[in-house]
Amino acid sequence: QVQLVESGGGLVQPGGSLRLSCTASGSIFRTHAMGWYRQPPGKQRELVASITTTSSTTYADSVKGRFTISRDNAKNTVYLQMNSLKPEDTAVYYCNAQHVVFRSNYWGQGTQVTVSS
């Protein structure tokens, strides 16, 4: 059973930074692309950033130039560095792992990010 455990959320002022971490139990990094999604209050969940097993990355237009996704395969951990945070970045952030062939998904429990003065 794979578990994804997120950490690093919290309250930050506009313009500030946070780094989210997601550590996976089990050896899934070689076979799973990793991603960060977010769900703002009252809205649908959306993709923020993703990274393949070969470290190719994609970003939502709203976070390009501000957020950076990375992975450390030796630690089974994926990171989301968030800079220049805006109030509209406020959301619950979820870690996702998707099998590269079967497209099966695992989700973390979510971590709250609040950007407010």
Protein backbone atom coordinates (compact mmCIF):
# COMPACT_ATOMS: atom_id res chain seq x y z
CA GLN A 1 0.00 0.00 0.00
CA VAL A 2 1.50 3.29 -1.12
CA GLN A 3 1.12 6.33 1.08
CA LEU A 4 1.94 9.92 0.18
CA VAL A 5 2.62 12.24 3.11
CA GLU A 6 2.71 15.98 2.49
CA SER A 7 4.23 18.65 4.68
CA GLY A 8 5.24 22.29 4.54
CA GLY A 9 1.95 24.11 4.26
CA GLY A 10 1.00 27.07 6.40
CA LEU A 11 0.19 30.75 6.52
CA VAL A 12 2.39 33.17 4.60
CA GLN A 13 2.14 36.82 3.61
CA PRO A 14 1.79 37.85 -0.04
CA GLY A 15 5.19 37.80 -1.71
CA GLY A 16 6.47 35.13 0.64
CA SER A 17 7.69 31.61 -0.01
CA LEU A 18 6.89 28.08 1.08
CA ARG A 19 8.27 24.68 0.18
CA LEU A 20 5.98 21.68 0.14
CA SER A 21 7.33 18.15 0.45
CA CYS A 22 5.70 14.85 -0.38
CA THR A 23 7.32 11.60 0.68
CA ALA A 24 6.13 8.28 -0.67
CA SER A 25 6.25 4.99 1.14
CA GLY A 26 7.25 2.12 -1.07
CA SER A 27 9.39 2.18 -4.18
CA ILE A 28 7.17 3.99 -6.65
CA PHE A 29 9.36 6.76 -7.94
CA ARG A 30 10.80 4.74 -10.81
CA THR A 31 7.37 3.96 -12.18
CA HIS A 32 5.29 7.01 -11.27
CA ALA A 33 5.10 10.56 -12.47
CA MET A 34 4.55 12.96 -9.59
CA GLY A 35 2.41 16.04 -9.41
CA TRP A 36 1.00 18.74 -7.20
CA TYR A 37 -2.64 19.73 -7.45
CA ARG A 38 -4.57 22.32 -5.52
CA GLN A 39 -8.18 22.97 -4.65
CA PRO A 40 -9.11 26.54 -3.77
CA PRO A 41 -12.18 27.09 -1.58
CA GLY A 42 -15.35 26.41 -3.55
CA LYS A 43 -13.47 25.44 -6.70
CA GLN A 44 -12.39 22.28 -8.47
CA ARG A 45 -9.04 20.63 -8.03
CA GLU A 46 -6.48 21.76 -10.60
CA LEU A 47 -3.03 20.68 -11.68
CA VAL A 48 -0.27 22.99 -10.47
CA ALA A 49 2.87 21.19 -11.62
CA SER A 50 4.04 17.74 -12.63
CA ILE A 51 7.35 15.97 -13.09
CA THR A 52 8.04 12.77 -14.99
CA THR A 53 10.36 9.93 -14.05
CA THR A 54 13.00 11.62 -16.23
CA SER A 55 12.40 14.98 -14.51
CA SER A 56 10.58 16.72 -17.34
CA THR A 57 8.29 19.33 -15.84
CA THR A 58 5.04 21.09 -16.67
CA TYR A 59 3.36 24.01 -14.92
CA ALA A 60 0.02 25.70 -14.87
CA ASP A 61 0.23 29.11 -16.52
CA SER A 62 -0.75 30.79 -13.25
CA VAL A 63 2.39 29.56 -11.46
CA LYS A 64 5.02 29.62 -14.21
CA GLY A 65 8.10 31.52 -13.10
CA ARG A 66 7.06 31.38 -9.46
CA PHE A 67 6.81 27.68 -8.58
CA THR A 68 9.38 24.94 -9.11
CA ILE A 69 8.75 21.21 -8.86
CA SER A 70 11.61 18.79 -8.26
CA ARG A 71 12.12 15.24 -7.14
CA ASP A 72 14.72 13.32 -5.16
CA ASN A 73 14.41 9.68 -6.15
CA ALA A 74 16.82 8.52 -3.47
CA LYS A 75 14.53 10.00 -0.81
CA ASN A 76 11.24 9.13 -2.56
CA THR A 77 10.34 12.79 -2.18
CA VAL A 78 8.92 15.43 -4.48
CA TYR A 79 9.06 19.13 -3.67
CA LEU A 80 7.16 22.23 -4.68
CA GLN A 81 9.04 25.45 -4.10
CA MET A 82 6.56 28.33 -4.15
CA ASN A 83 7.86 31.88 -4.40
CA SER A 84 6.14 35.25 -4.82
CA LEU A 85 2.97 33.81 -3.36
CA LYS A 86 -0.34 35.54 -4.04
CA PRO A 87 -3.66 35.40 -2.18
CA GLU A 88 -5.09 33.45 -5.13
CA ASP A 89 -2.60 30.66 -4.39
CA THR A 90 -4.59 29.90 -1.24
CA ALA A 91 -5.78 26.30 -1.46
CA VAL A 92 -5.38 22.80 -0.17
CA TYR A 93 -2.42 21.32 -2.01
CA TYR A 94 -2.39 17.61 -2.84
CA CYS A 95 0.45 15.37 -3.89
CA ASN A 96 -0.27 12.86 -6.65
CA ALA A 97 1.56 9.84 -8.03
CA GLN A 98 0.45 8.34 -11.35
CA HIS A 99 1.76 5.10 -12.83
CA VAL A 100 3.39 5.83 -16.18
CA VAL A 101 1.73 2.86 -17.91
CA PHE A 102 -1.44 1.95 -16.03
CA ARG A 103 -2.35 5.54 -15.06
CA SER A 104 -3.42 4.43 -11.59
CA ASN A 105 -3.31 7.23 -9.03
CA TYR A 106 -2.33 7.74 -5.42
CA TRP A 107 -3.18 10.88 -3.46
CA GLY A 108 -1.87 12.49 -0.34
CA GLN A 109 -4.10 13.84 2.39
CA GLY A 110 -3.55 17.47 1.44
CA THR A 111 -1.85 20.40 3.12
CA GLN A 112 -3.35 23.86 3.56
CA VAL A 113 -1.58 26.88 2.09
CA THR A 114 -2.98 30.27 3.04
CA VAL A 115 -1.59 33.48 1.58
CA SER A 116 -2.86 36.47 3.51
CA SER A 117 -1.67 39.64 5.17
